[in-house]
Every structure is written in structure tokens, then in C-alpha cells.
């Protein structure tokens, strides 16, 4: 059943026959309602795809912290942050959704550019510290000298909440001390955020 909302736009929401009316980012849209299908008619590929999407949706709800969700909500334009996250990260999940390839996974997205030649390696003889280098591209496009590097750590199949490093774009080099007590660390995701946290870059994964 559809409802007519009072107000200047007199918008409609809900379903009329096979058409669903809805609003997204202040704009009204209509789409055909999905048809119910007999589960027995699904192929193995379709069943696996549903499992894959279900696992990714659970990852968004149960694993992805609120600050990460806010990044995707800011990055999304023609869809919700949730849908943009799913679209971007589907390739990271195996066909049945049970395995995750960390190199294909992304925790950040946005218009802020990553600096050129960003690299992160363990310091020889001091595996708890990471040496990070990059080229300063401040004031090119949206990049600013005080954009801050942020880190997410992959450890034993888990992922930390975003960690502010205090490192800014203009530095071009820095050392990051990895936290103790979280078990074996497989890698880190690095991305940059503007000082008012309204612009973010895509992240880059470094296996360690």
C-alpha cells in the first residue's frame, strides 16, 4: 500500500501494483517490485550469490564500525552507503561468502586522493614498527597538507576500528608503532581524512 505524504512535494511512498515509490537523498524514485521466486528453481550459482551477499551484509552490520559506515555514507551519491559498500566489496568475498581476501577489501572510499607512491613495510629488526613513505601532493586537487593518515589493522581474521595516527600528508615519511595484544597482524589499511572528517580517500592494503 502506498502513502501520500503531506507537504510541499506531496510525495508518494510505498507500493502501487508492481511499482514501488521511494525517496533517496531528497529525490523521488520508482522501481518495479521484485518478483517472488521459487527457491527450488535457483541454480547453484544463484544460491551461492545469495550466500555471498548475505555474508557481506552481515559483515557490514556486525564487523564494520560506525565511523567506517559514516565514511561510506559520505562517499555515496546515487545510492546508500550500505549499497556502495556492498558493490565495492563483493569481489573480496569468495563465491560462497565464507572467505575474505583482505587485498580486495576496502574500509574507506571518497574523493580525497591517496598520495602517490604510498608504501608501508616493517622496519628490519623491529617488526612492531612500520615505515611509511609517500610523495607530498598537498594542494593538488582536494589534497591538503593537514589531511591525516588513518589505519585499520587486519589481525587473525578480524579488523580494528579506525586508528588515528596523527600523521599528516605533508610529512612524506613516518613510523607507525603497531599495538600489542591483538595477536598476529596480517596487514594494515591506510587512508587519509580531511581535518573536519568530511572528505576521505580510498584505502590501500599492505600485507605485513
N, C-alpha and C. Protein backbone atom coordinates (compact mmCIF):
# COMPACT_ATOMS: atom_id res chain seq x y z
N UNK A 1 0.85 -1.18 0.00
CA UNK A 1 0.00 0.00 0.00
C UNK A 1 0.89 1.24 0.00
N UNK A 2 0.52 2.24 -0.77
CA UNK A 2 1.28 3.48 -0.84
C UNK A 2 0.66 4.54 0.05
N UNK A 3 1.50 5.47 0.54
CA UNK A 3 1.04 6.58 1.35
C UNK A 3 1.40 7.89 0.67
N UNK A 4 0.50 8.87 0.71
CA UNK A 4 0.78 10.20 0.18
C UNK A 4 1.18 11.08 1.35
N UNK A 5 2.39 11.62 1.30
CA UNK A 5 2.90 12.45 2.38
C UNK A 5 2.50 13.89 2.15
N UNK A 6 2.03 14.54 3.20
CA UNK A 6 1.65 15.94 3.09
C UNK A 6 2.89 16.81 3.02
N UNK A 7 2.71 18.00 2.51
CA UNK A 7 3.85 18.91 2.40
C UNK A 7 3.96 19.47 1.01
N UNK A 8 5.04 20.24 0.80
CA UNK A 8 5.20 20.94 -0.48
C UNK A 8 5.35 20.00 -1.65
N UNK A 9 6.01 18.86 -1.44
CA UNK A 9 6.26 17.98 -2.58
C UNK A 9 5.16 16.95 -2.79
N UNK A 10 4.31 16.73 -1.77
CA UNK A 10 3.24 15.76 -1.92
C UNK A 10 3.74 14.41 -2.38
N UNK A 11 4.83 13.93 -1.83
CA UNK A 11 5.48 12.73 -2.33
C UNK A 11 4.71 11.47 -1.96
N UNK A 12 4.94 10.41 -2.75
CA UNK A 12 4.31 9.11 -2.53
C UNK A 12 5.37 8.12 -2.11
N UNK A 13 5.06 7.29 -1.12
CA UNK A 13 5.98 6.23 -0.73
C UNK A 13 5.19 4.94 -0.60
N UNK A 14 5.84 3.82 -0.90
CA UNK A 14 5.16 2.53 -0.80
C UNK A 14 4.94 1.91 -2.17
N UNK A 15 4.00 0.98 -2.24
CA UNK A 15 3.79 0.21 -3.46
C UNK A 15 2.40 0.44 -4.04
N UNK A 16 2.37 0.61 -5.36
CA UNK A 16 1.12 0.63 -6.11
C UNK A 16 1.25 -0.42 -7.20
N UNK A 17 0.50 -1.49 -7.06
CA UNK A 17 0.62 -2.58 -8.01
C UNK A 17 2.03 -3.12 -8.01
N UNK A 18 2.67 -3.22 -9.19
CA UNK A 18 4.03 -3.76 -9.25
C UNK A 18 5.12 -2.70 -9.11
N UNK A 19 4.72 -1.44 -8.76
CA UNK A 19 5.68 -0.34 -8.71
C UNK A 19 5.88 0.12 -7.27
N UNK A 20 7.15 0.29 -6.87
CA UNK A 20 7.50 0.79 -5.54
C UNK A 20 8.00 2.22 -5.67
N UNK A 21 7.45 3.13 -4.88
CA UNK A 21 7.89 4.52 -4.85
C UNK A 21 8.70 4.74 -3.57
N UNK A 22 9.84 5.43 -3.71
CA UNK A 22 10.69 5.67 -2.55
C UNK A 22 11.50 6.94 -2.76
N UNK A 23 12.11 7.45 -1.67
CA UNK A 23 12.93 8.65 -1.73
C UNK A 23 14.35 8.30 -1.32
N UNK A 24 15.34 8.92 -1.97
CA UNK A 24 16.74 8.74 -1.65
C UNK A 24 17.46 10.05 -1.86
N UNK A 25 18.11 10.52 -0.80
CA UNK A 25 18.84 11.79 -0.86
C UNK A 25 17.96 12.94 -1.33
N UNK A 26 16.70 12.93 -0.86
CA UNK A 26 15.79 14.02 -1.16
C UNK A 26 15.11 13.95 -2.51
N UNK A 27 15.38 12.92 -3.29
CA UNK A 27 14.77 12.77 -4.61
C UNK A 27 13.82 11.58 -4.61
N UNK A 28 12.76 11.67 -5.43
CA UNK A 28 11.78 10.61 -5.52
C UNK A 28 12.11 9.67 -6.68
N UNK A 29 11.94 8.37 -6.46
CA UNK A 29 12.22 7.37 -7.48
C UNK A 29 11.11 6.32 -7.49
N UNK A 30 11.02 5.60 -8.59
CA UNK A 30 10.08 4.48 -8.71
C UNK A 30 10.82 3.31 -9.34
N UNK A 31 10.52 2.12 -8.88
CA UNK A 31 11.13 0.92 -9.46
C UNK A 31 10.13 -0.22 -9.41
N UNK A 32 10.35 -1.21 -10.24
CA UNK A 32 9.49 -2.39 -10.25
C UNK A 32 9.78 -3.25 -9.04
N UNK A 33 8.73 -3.69 -8.36
CA UNK A 33 8.91 -4.54 -7.19
C UNK A 33 9.47 -5.89 -7.62
N UNK A 34 10.43 -6.44 -6.84
CA UNK A 34 10.99 -7.76 -7.20
C UNK A 34 9.92 -8.85 -7.11
N UNK A 35 9.98 -9.79 -8.03
CA UNK A 35 9.02 -10.89 -8.04
C UNK A 35 9.52 -12.03 -7.16
N UNK A 36 8.59 -12.64 -6.47
CA UNK A 36 8.93 -13.81 -5.65
C UNK A 36 9.28 -14.98 -6.55
N UNK A 37 10.34 -15.70 -6.19
CA UNK A 37 10.76 -16.84 -6.98
C UNK A 37 10.76 -18.10 -6.13
N UNK A 38 10.47 -19.19 -6.74
CA UNK A 38 10.52 -20.49 -6.07
C UNK A 38 11.98 -20.82 -5.80
N UNK A 39 12.34 -21.02 -4.51
CA UNK A 39 13.73 -21.32 -4.14
C UNK A 39 14.24 -22.57 -4.83
N UNK A 40 13.34 -23.49 -5.13
CA UNK A 40 13.75 -24.73 -5.78
C UNK A 40 14.20 -24.52 -7.21
N UNK A 41 13.88 -23.34 -7.79
CA UNK A 41 14.26 -23.07 -9.17
C UNK A 41 15.60 -22.37 -9.28
N UNK A 42 16.22 -21.99 -8.13
CA UNK A 42 17.50 -21.29 -8.16
C UNK A 42 18.63 -22.25 -8.52
N UNK A 43 19.56 -21.76 -9.33
CA UNK A 43 20.74 -22.55 -9.68
C UNK A 43 21.74 -22.49 -8.53
N UNK A 44 22.78 -23.34 -8.58
CA UNK A 44 23.83 -23.31 -7.56
C UNK A 44 24.51 -21.95 -7.52
N UNK A 45 24.71 -21.37 -8.70
CA UNK A 45 25.35 -20.06 -8.77
C UNK A 45 24.50 -18.99 -8.09
N UNK A 46 23.20 -19.02 -8.30
CA UNK A 46 22.32 -18.05 -7.67
C UNK A 46 22.27 -18.24 -6.15
N UNK A 47 22.27 -19.49 -5.71
CA UNK A 47 22.27 -19.77 -4.27
C UNK A 47 23.56 -19.27 -3.62
N UNK A 48 24.69 -19.52 -4.28
CA UNK A 48 25.96 -19.05 -3.75
C UNK A 48 26.02 -17.53 -3.72
N UNK A 49 25.48 -16.89 -4.76
CA UNK A 49 25.49 -15.42 -4.80
C UNK A 49 24.68 -14.86 -3.63
N UNK A 50 23.54 -15.47 -3.33
CA UNK A 50 22.73 -15.01 -2.21
C UNK A 50 23.48 -15.20 -0.89
N UNK A 51 24.21 -16.32 -0.76
CA UNK A 51 25.02 -16.54 0.43
C UNK A 51 26.11 -15.48 0.54
N UNK A 52 26.73 -15.18 -0.59
CA UNK A 52 27.81 -14.20 -0.62
C UNK A 52 27.32 -12.83 -0.18
N UNK A 53 26.19 -12.40 -0.74
CA UNK A 53 25.62 -11.11 -0.38
C UNK A 53 25.20 -11.10 1.09
N UNK A 54 24.65 -12.22 1.57
CA UNK A 54 24.22 -12.32 2.96
C UNK A 54 25.41 -12.18 3.91
N UNK A 55 26.55 -12.83 3.57
CA UNK A 55 27.74 -12.74 4.41
C UNK A 55 28.29 -11.32 4.41
N UNK A 56 28.27 -10.67 3.26
CA UNK A 56 28.77 -9.30 3.17
C UNK A 56 27.86 -8.35 3.95
N UNK A 57 26.56 -8.56 3.85
CA UNK A 57 25.61 -7.74 4.61
C UNK A 57 25.84 -7.91 6.11
N UNK A 58 26.10 -9.15 6.54
CA UNK A 58 26.38 -9.40 7.96
C UNK A 58 27.69 -8.73 8.37
N UNK A 59 28.67 -8.72 7.47
CA UNK A 59 29.95 -8.06 7.73
C UNK A 59 29.71 -6.57 7.98
N UNK A 60 28.87 -5.95 7.18
CA UNK A 60 28.53 -4.53 7.34
C UNK A 60 27.87 -4.29 8.70
N UNK A 61 26.94 -5.14 9.08
CA UNK A 61 26.17 -4.94 10.31
C UNK A 61 26.99 -5.27 11.55
N UNK A 62 27.78 -6.33 11.51
CA UNK A 62 28.39 -6.86 12.72
C UNK A 62 29.86 -6.51 12.88
N UNK A 63 30.56 -6.30 11.79
CA UNK A 63 32.01 -6.08 11.84
C UNK A 63 32.39 -4.63 11.57
N UNK A 64 31.70 -4.00 10.65
CA UNK A 64 32.07 -2.64 10.24
C UNK A 64 31.65 -1.62 11.30
N UNK A 65 32.59 -0.91 11.94
CA UNK A 65 32.22 0.05 12.99
C UNK A 65 31.54 1.29 12.42
N UNK A 66 30.86 2.02 13.28
CA UNK A 66 30.10 3.19 12.87
C UNK A 66 30.94 4.22 12.12
N UNK A 67 32.18 4.54 12.56
CA UNK A 67 32.97 5.53 11.80
C UNK A 67 33.20 5.12 10.35
N UNK A 68 33.34 3.81 10.08
CA UNK A 68 33.53 3.34 8.72
C UNK A 68 32.23 3.50 7.93
N UNK A 69 31.10 3.20 8.55
CA UNK A 69 29.81 3.36 7.87
C UNK A 69 29.58 4.82 7.48
N UNK A 70 30.00 5.73 8.35
CA UNK A 70 29.83 7.15 8.06
C UNK A 70 30.66 7.57 6.84
N UNK A 71 31.84 6.97 6.68
CA UNK A 71 32.67 7.26 5.51
C UNK A 71 31.92 6.88 4.23
N UNK A 72 31.31 5.69 4.22
CA UNK A 72 30.60 5.23 3.03
C UNK A 72 29.33 6.03 2.78
N UNK A 73 28.68 6.47 3.85
CA UNK A 73 27.50 7.33 3.66
C UNK A 73 27.88 8.66 3.03
N UNK A 74 29.05 9.18 3.38
CA UNK A 74 29.52 10.43 2.78
C UNK A 74 29.94 10.22 1.32
N UNK A 75 30.51 9.05 1.03
CA UNK A 75 31.02 8.78 -0.32
C UNK A 75 29.90 8.48 -1.31
N UNK A 76 28.79 7.94 -0.82
CA UNK A 76 27.70 7.53 -1.71
C UNK A 76 26.97 8.75 -2.25
N UNK A 77 26.59 8.68 -3.53
CA UNK A 77 25.86 9.78 -4.16
C UNK A 77 24.53 9.29 -4.74
N UNK A 78 24.58 8.31 -5.62
CA UNK A 78 23.38 7.82 -6.27
C UNK A 78 22.82 6.56 -5.60
N UNK A 79 23.39 6.19 -4.46
CA UNK A 79 22.92 5.02 -3.73
C UNK A 79 23.24 5.22 -2.26
N UNK A 80 22.79 4.32 -1.41
CA UNK A 80 23.10 4.43 0.02
C UNK A 80 24.54 4.00 0.27
N UNK A 81 25.08 4.41 1.43
CA UNK A 81 26.43 3.98 1.79
C UNK A 81 26.53 2.48 1.91
N UNK A 82 25.47 1.85 2.41
CA UNK A 82 25.42 0.40 2.53
C UNK A 82 25.54 -0.27 1.17
N UNK A 83 24.79 0.21 0.19
CA UNK A 83 24.83 -0.38 -1.15
C UNK A 83 26.17 -0.14 -1.83
N UNK A 84 26.77 1.03 -1.60
CA UNK A 84 28.09 1.30 -2.18
C UNK A 84 29.14 0.38 -1.56
N UNK A 85 29.04 0.15 -0.27
CA UNK A 85 29.96 -0.77 0.42
C UNK A 85 29.84 -2.17 -0.15
N UNK A 86 28.60 -2.64 -0.35
CA UNK A 86 28.39 -3.98 -0.91
C UNK A 86 28.93 -4.07 -2.32
N UNK A 87 28.64 -3.10 -3.16
CA UNK A 87 29.09 -3.11 -4.54
C UNK A 87 30.61 -3.13 -4.63
N UNK A 88 31.27 -2.35 -3.78
CA UNK A 88 32.73 -2.26 -3.80
C UNK A 88 33.39 -3.53 -3.28
N UNK A 89 32.80 -4.15 -2.27
CA UNK A 89 33.46 -5.25 -1.57
C UNK A 89 33.02 -6.64 -1.96
N UNK A 90 32.08 -6.78 -2.86
CA UNK A 90 31.69 -8.11 -3.32
C UNK A 90 32.87 -8.92 -3.84
N UNK A 91 33.80 -8.31 -4.61
CA UNK A 91 34.94 -9.09 -5.11
C UNK A 91 35.85 -9.64 -4.02
N UNK A 92 35.77 -9.09 -2.80
CA UNK A 92 36.64 -9.55 -1.72
C UNK A 92 36.16 -10.84 -1.09
N UNK A 93 34.90 -11.21 -1.36
CA UNK A 93 34.34 -12.41 -0.74
C UNK A 93 34.32 -13.56 -1.74
N UNK A 94 34.60 -14.76 -1.22
CA UNK A 94 34.59 -15.96 -2.06
C UNK A 94 33.18 -16.23 -2.56
N UNK A 95 33.06 -17.18 -3.49
CA UNK A 95 31.77 -17.46 -4.13
C UNK A 95 30.67 -17.77 -3.13
N UNK A 96 31.04 -18.47 -2.03
CA UNK A 96 30.04 -18.81 -1.02
C UNK A 96 30.04 -17.83 0.16
N UNK A 97 30.90 -16.81 0.09
CA UNK A 97 30.94 -15.79 1.12
C UNK A 97 31.66 -16.17 2.39
N UNK A 98 32.29 -17.34 2.43
CA UNK A 98 32.90 -17.82 3.66
C UNK A 98 34.34 -17.35 3.85
N UNK A 99 34.99 -16.91 2.79
CA UNK A 99 36.37 -16.45 2.87
C UNK A 99 36.48 -15.02 2.37
N UNK A 100 37.41 -14.26 2.96
CA UNK A 100 37.61 -12.86 2.59
C UNK A 100 39.06 -12.68 2.16
N UNK A 101 39.25 -12.05 0.98
CA UNK A 101 40.60 -11.71 0.52
C UNK A 101 40.87 -10.27 0.98
N UNK A 102 41.76 -10.08 1.97
CA UNK A 102 41.97 -8.73 2.52
C UNK A 102 42.49 -7.73 1.50
N UNK A 103 43.16 -8.19 0.45
CA UNK A 103 43.69 -7.26 -0.54
C UNK A 103 42.59 -6.64 -1.39
N UNK A 104 41.43 -7.30 -1.46
CA UNK A 104 40.32 -6.77 -2.23
C UNK A 104 39.30 -6.04 -1.36
N UNK A 105 39.49 -6.09 -0.06
CA UNK A 105 38.55 -5.47 0.87
C UNK A 105 38.88 -3.99 1.04
N UNK A 106 37.84 -3.17 1.18
CA UNK A 106 38.04 -1.73 1.39
C UNK A 106 37.20 -1.24 2.54
N UNK A 107 37.82 -0.41 3.40
CA UNK A 107 37.12 0.19 4.52
C UNK A 107 36.85 1.68 4.31
N UNK A 108 37.46 2.26 3.30
CA UNK A 108 37.28 3.70 3.07
C UNK A 108 37.08 3.97 1.59
N UNK A 109 36.35 5.04 1.31
CA UNK A 109 36.09 5.45 -0.07
C UNK A 109 35.82 6.96 -0.06
N UNK A 110 36.11 7.62 -1.14
CA UNK A 110 35.82 9.05 -1.20
C UNK A 110 36.63 9.76 -2.26
N UNK A 111 36.47 11.07 -2.30
CA UNK A 111 37.07 11.89 -3.35
C UNK A 111 38.47 12.39 -3.02
N UNK A 112 38.87 12.25 -1.76
CA UNK A 112 40.20 12.70 -1.38
C UNK A 112 41.23 11.75 -2.00
N UNK A 113 42.26 12.28 -2.65
CA UNK A 113 43.24 11.37 -3.29
C UNK A 113 44.22 10.76 -2.29
N UNK A 114 44.57 9.49 -2.54
CA UNK A 114 45.70 8.90 -1.83
C UNK A 114 46.98 9.51 -2.39
N UNK A 115 48.00 9.73 -1.58
CA UNK A 115 49.26 10.26 -2.11
C UNK A 115 49.94 9.24 -3.03
N UNK A 116 50.73 9.74 -3.96
CA UNK A 116 51.46 8.88 -4.88
C UNK A 116 52.56 8.11 -4.14
N UNK A 117 52.83 6.90 -4.64
CA UNK A 117 53.92 6.06 -4.15
C UNK A 117 53.83 5.80 -2.65
N UNK A 118 52.61 5.56 -2.16
CA UNK A 118 52.41 5.21 -0.76
C UNK A 118 52.93 3.79 -0.52
N UNK A 119 53.83 3.64 0.45
CA UNK A 119 54.43 2.34 0.77
C UNK A 119 54.47 2.16 2.28
N UNK A 120 54.33 0.90 2.73
CA UNK A 120 54.42 0.59 4.16
C UNK A 120 55.13 -0.74 4.33
N UNK A 121 56.23 -0.77 5.08
CA UNK A 121 57.00 -2.00 5.31
C UNK A 121 57.43 -2.06 6.77
N UNK A 122 57.58 -3.29 7.27
CA UNK A 122 58.11 -3.44 8.63
C UNK A 122 59.57 -2.99 8.66
N UNK A 123 59.94 -2.34 9.74
CA UNK A 123 61.32 -1.91 9.91
C UNK A 123 62.18 -3.13 10.27
N UNK A 124 63.27 -3.34 9.54
CA UNK A 124 64.13 -4.50 9.76
C UNK A 124 64.66 -4.50 11.19
N UNK A 125 64.49 -5.64 11.87
CA UNK A 125 64.95 -5.76 13.25
C UNK A 125 63.98 -5.21 14.28
N UNK A 126 62.89 -4.59 13.82
CA UNK A 126 61.90 -4.01 14.74
C UNK A 126 60.51 -4.22 14.15
N UNK A 127 60.00 -5.47 14.16
CA UNK A 127 58.76 -5.80 13.47
C UNK A 127 57.51 -5.13 14.03
N UNK A 128 57.61 -4.52 15.20
CA UNK A 128 56.45 -3.82 15.77
C UNK A 128 56.29 -2.41 15.22
N UNK A 129 57.24 -2.00 14.38
CA UNK A 129 57.17 -0.66 13.81
C UNK A 129 57.12 -0.73 12.29
N UNK A 130 56.32 0.14 11.70
CA UNK A 130 56.12 0.20 10.25
C UNK A 130 56.66 1.52 9.72
N UNK A 131 57.45 1.43 8.67
CA UNK A 131 57.92 2.64 8.00
C UNK A 131 57.00 2.93 6.82
N UNK A 132 56.44 4.14 6.81
CA UNK A 132 55.52 4.55 5.76
C UNK A 132 56.11 5.74 5.01
N UNK A 133 56.11 5.67 3.69
CA UNK A 133 56.61 6.77 2.86
C UNK A 133 55.62 7.06 1.75
N UNK A 134 55.65 8.28 1.25
CA UNK A 134 54.76 8.71 0.16
C UNK A 134 55.26 10.04 -0.39
N UNK A 135 54.68 10.47 -1.48
CA UNK A 135 55.01 11.77 -2.07
C UNK A 135 53.97 12.80 -1.61
N UNK A 136 54.43 13.94 -1.18
CA UNK A 136 53.52 15.01 -0.75
C UNK A 136 52.88 15.65 -1.97
N UNK A 137 51.55 15.52 -2.07
CA UNK A 137 50.83 16.14 -3.18
C UNK A 137 49.82 17.16 -2.66
N UNK A 138 50.19 17.83 -1.55
CA UNK A 138 49.32 18.82 -0.96
C UNK A 138 48.95 19.91 -1.96
N UNK A 139 47.71 20.38 -1.85
CA UNK A 139 47.20 21.47 -2.68
C UNK A 139 47.02 21.08 -4.14
N UNK A 140 47.08 19.79 -4.45
CA UNK A 140 46.72 19.30 -5.78
C UNK A 140 45.32 18.73 -5.69
N UNK A 141 44.39 19.33 -6.37
CA UNK A 141 43.00 18.89 -6.27
C UNK A 141 42.48 19.15 -4.86
N UNK A 142 41.91 18.14 -4.24
CA UNK A 142 41.34 18.28 -2.90
C UNK A 142 42.33 17.99 -1.79
N UNK A 143 43.54 17.54 -2.14
CA UNK A 143 44.53 17.17 -1.13
C UNK A 143 45.05 18.40 -0.39
N UNK A 144 45.10 18.31 0.93
CA UNK A 144 45.63 19.39 1.77
C UNK A 144 46.74 18.86 2.66
N UNK A 145 47.63 19.75 3.07
CA UNK A 145 48.81 19.33 3.82
C UNK A 145 48.47 18.72 5.17
N UNK A 146 47.31 19.10 5.76
CA UNK A 146 46.96 18.58 7.09
C UNK A 146 45.98 17.42 7.05
N UNK A 147 45.77 16.79 5.88
CA UNK A 147 44.99 15.55 5.82
C UNK A 147 45.69 14.51 6.69
N UNK A 148 44.92 13.82 7.53
CA UNK A 148 45.52 12.88 8.48
C UNK A 148 45.42 11.43 8.02
N UNK A 149 46.51 10.69 8.15
CA UNK A 149 46.54 9.27 7.84
C UNK A 149 45.80 8.49 8.93
N UNK A 150 44.95 7.57 8.50
CA UNK A 150 44.19 6.71 9.41
C UNK A 150 44.47 5.26 9.05
N UNK A 151 44.41 4.37 10.04
CA UNK A 151 44.80 2.98 9.83
C UNK A 151 43.74 2.03 10.37
N UNK A 152 43.51 0.93 9.65
CA UNK A 152 42.73 -0.20 10.12
C UNK A 152 43.65 -1.41 10.06
N UNK A 153 43.69 -2.21 11.11
CA UNK A 153 44.60 -3.35 11.18
C UNK A 153 43.83 -4.66 10.99
N UNK A 154 44.35 -5.52 10.10
CA UNK A 154 43.80 -6.87 9.92
C UNK A 154 44.61 -7.82 10.79
N UNK A 155 43.93 -8.52 11.71
CA UNK A 155 44.65 -9.40 12.63
C UNK A 155 43.80 -10.63 12.94
N UNK A 156 44.37 -11.79 12.65
CA UNK A 156 43.73 -13.07 12.95
C UNK A 156 42.27 -13.12 12.46
N UNK A 157 42.06 -12.67 11.25
CA UNK A 157 40.73 -12.70 10.66
C UNK A 157 39.79 -11.62 11.16
N UNK A 158 40.30 -10.70 11.97
CA UNK A 158 39.49 -9.60 12.50
C UNK A 158 40.04 -8.26 12.01
N UNK A 159 39.30 -7.20 12.30
CA UNK A 159 39.71 -5.87 11.85
C UNK A 159 39.44 -4.86 12.97
N UNK A 160 40.40 -3.98 13.20
CA UNK A 160 40.23 -2.97 14.24
C UNK A 160 39.33 -1.84 13.74
N UNK A 161 38.86 -1.05 14.67
CA UNK A 161 38.22 0.21 14.33
C UNK A 161 39.30 1.16 13.78
N UNK A 162 38.91 2.23 13.09
CA UNK A 162 39.91 3.16 12.57
C UNK A 162 40.79 3.73 13.67
N UNK A 163 42.08 3.81 13.38
CA UNK A 163 43.06 4.33 14.34
C UNK A 163 43.69 5.60 13.76
N UNK A 164 43.49 6.73 14.43
CA UNK A 164 44.10 7.98 14.00
C UNK A 164 45.58 7.94 14.34
N UNK A 165 46.42 8.19 13.34
CA UNK A 165 47.87 8.07 13.56
C UNK A 165 48.52 9.39 13.95
N UNK A 166 47.84 10.51 13.69
CA UNK A 166 48.46 11.82 13.94
C UNK A 166 49.43 12.23 12.85
N UNK A 167 49.58 11.39 11.83
CA UNK A 167 50.50 11.66 10.71
C UNK A 167 49.75 12.44 9.64
N UNK A 168 50.36 13.50 9.11
CA UNK A 168 49.69 14.31 8.11
C UNK A 168 50.39 14.21 6.75
N UNK A 169 49.67 14.58 5.73
CA UNK A 169 50.11 14.37 4.35
C UNK A 169 51.45 15.03 4.04
N UNK A 170 51.71 16.20 4.58
CA UNK A 170 52.92 16.95 4.22
C UNK A 170 54.21 16.31 4.73
N UNK A 171 54.10 15.35 5.65
CA UNK A 171 55.31 14.77 6.25
C UNK A 171 56.12 13.92 5.27
N UNK A 172 55.47 13.17 4.42
CA UNK A 172 56.08 12.30 3.40
C UNK A 172 56.73 11.03 3.96
N UNK A 173 56.97 10.97 5.25
CA UNK A 173 57.53 9.76 5.85
C UNK A 173 57.16 9.74 7.33
N UNK A 174 56.98 8.53 7.86
CA UNK A 174 56.62 8.40 9.27
C UNK A 174 56.82 6.96 9.71
N UNK A 175 56.89 6.76 11.02
CA UNK A 175 56.96 5.42 11.60
C UNK A 175 55.70 5.20 12.43
N UNK A 176 55.08 4.03 12.25
CA UNK A 176 53.87 3.68 13.00
C UNK A 176 54.19 2.49 13.90
N UNK A 177 53.89 2.62 15.18
CA UNK A 177 54.06 1.51 16.11
C UNK A 177 52.77 0.71 16.18
N UNK A 178 52.85 -0.58 15.90
CA UNK A 178 51.67 -1.43 15.92
C UNK A 178 51.28 -1.73 17.36
N UNK A 179 49.98 -1.80 17.64
CA UNK A 179 49.55 -2.09 19.02
C UNK A 179 49.87 -3.53 19.40
N UNK A 180 50.10 -3.75 20.67
CA UNK A 180 50.38 -5.11 21.17
C UNK A 180 49.09 -5.72 21.71
N UNK A 181 49.11 -7.04 21.85
CA UNK A 181 48.00 -7.72 22.48
C UNK A 181 46.82 -8.03 21.58
N UNK A 182 46.98 -7.93 20.26
CA UNK A 182 45.87 -8.25 19.36
C UNK A 182 46.18 -9.48 18.51
N UNK A 183 47.27 -10.16 18.84
CA UNK A 183 47.61 -11.37 18.10
C UNK A 183 48.41 -11.06 16.85
N UNK A 184 48.47 -12.05 15.96
CA UNK A 184 49.25 -11.91 14.74
C UNK A 184 48.59 -10.91 13.79
N UNK A 185 49.38 -9.98 13.29
CA UNK A 185 48.88 -8.94 12.38
C UNK A 185 49.20 -9.34 10.95
N UNK A 186 48.17 -9.43 10.13
CA UNK A 186 48.36 -9.81 8.73
C UNK A 186 48.68 -8.62 7.83
N UNK A 187 48.13 -7.46 8.15
CA UNK A 187 48.35 -6.29 7.29
C UNK A 187 47.63 -5.08 7.83
N UNK A 188 47.80 -3.96 7.13
CA UNK A 188 47.15 -2.71 7.53
C UNK A 188 46.53 -2.03 6.31
N UNK A 189 45.46 -1.31 6.56
CA UNK A 189 44.81 -0.46 5.56
C UNK A 189 45.11 0.99 5.93
N UNK A 190 45.58 1.76 4.97
CA UNK A 190 45.87 3.17 5.21
C UNK A 190 45.01 4.05 4.31
N UNK A 191 44.50 5.12 4.86
CA UNK A 191 43.75 6.10 4.06
C UNK A 191 43.88 7.47 4.73
N UNK A 192 43.50 8.51 4.03
CA UNK A 192 43.62 9.87 4.56
C UNK A 192 42.24 10.49 4.75
N UNK A 193 42.14 11.35 5.78
CA UNK A 193 40.89 12.04 6.09
C UNK A 193 41.16 13.53 6.24
N UNK A 194 40.22 14.34 5.80
CA UNK A 194 40.37 15.79 5.96
C UNK A 194 40.23 16.15 7.44
N UNK A 195 40.68 17.33 7.81
CA UNK A 195 40.73 17.69 9.23
C UNK A 195 39.35 17.75 9.86
N UNK A 196 38.30 18.05 9.07
CA UNK A 196 36.95 18.11 9.64
C UNK A 196 36.19 16.82 9.38
N UNK A 197 36.87 15.80 8.87
CA UNK A 197 36.31 14.47 8.67
C UNK A 197 35.06 14.48 7.78
N UNK A 198 35.13 15.25 6.70
CA UNK A 198 34.04 15.27 5.73
C UNK A 198 34.49 14.72 4.37
N UNK A 199 35.81 14.57 4.19
CA UNK A 199 36.36 14.00 2.97
C UNK A 199 37.33 12.88 3.34
N UNK A 200 37.27 11.79 2.56
CA UNK A 200 38.13 10.65 2.80
C UNK A 200 38.68 10.13 1.47
N UNK A 201 39.81 9.43 1.54
CA UNK A 201 40.37 8.78 0.37
C UNK A 201 40.00 7.30 0.39
N UNK A 202 40.18 6.65 -0.73
CA UNK A 202 40.12 5.18 -0.72
C UNK A 202 41.31 4.67 0.07
N UNK A 203 41.18 3.50 0.67
CA UNK A 203 42.29 2.94 1.43
C UNK A 203 43.16 2.06 0.55
N UNK A 204 44.35 1.76 1.05
CA UNK A 204 45.27 0.84 0.39
C UNK A 204 45.75 -0.18 1.40
N UNK A 205 45.74 -1.45 1.01
CA UNK A 205 46.12 -2.53 1.92
C UNK A 205 47.59 -2.90 1.73
N UNK A 206 48.28 -3.13 2.86
CA UNK A 206 49.68 -3.57 2.84
C UNK A 206 49.81 -4.82 3.68
N UNK A 207 50.14 -5.93 3.04
CA UNK A 207 50.39 -7.17 3.78
C UNK A 207 51.69 -7.05 4.53
N UNK A 208 51.72 -7.55 5.77
CA UNK A 208 52.93 -7.43 6.60
C UNK A 208 53.45 -8.80 7.00
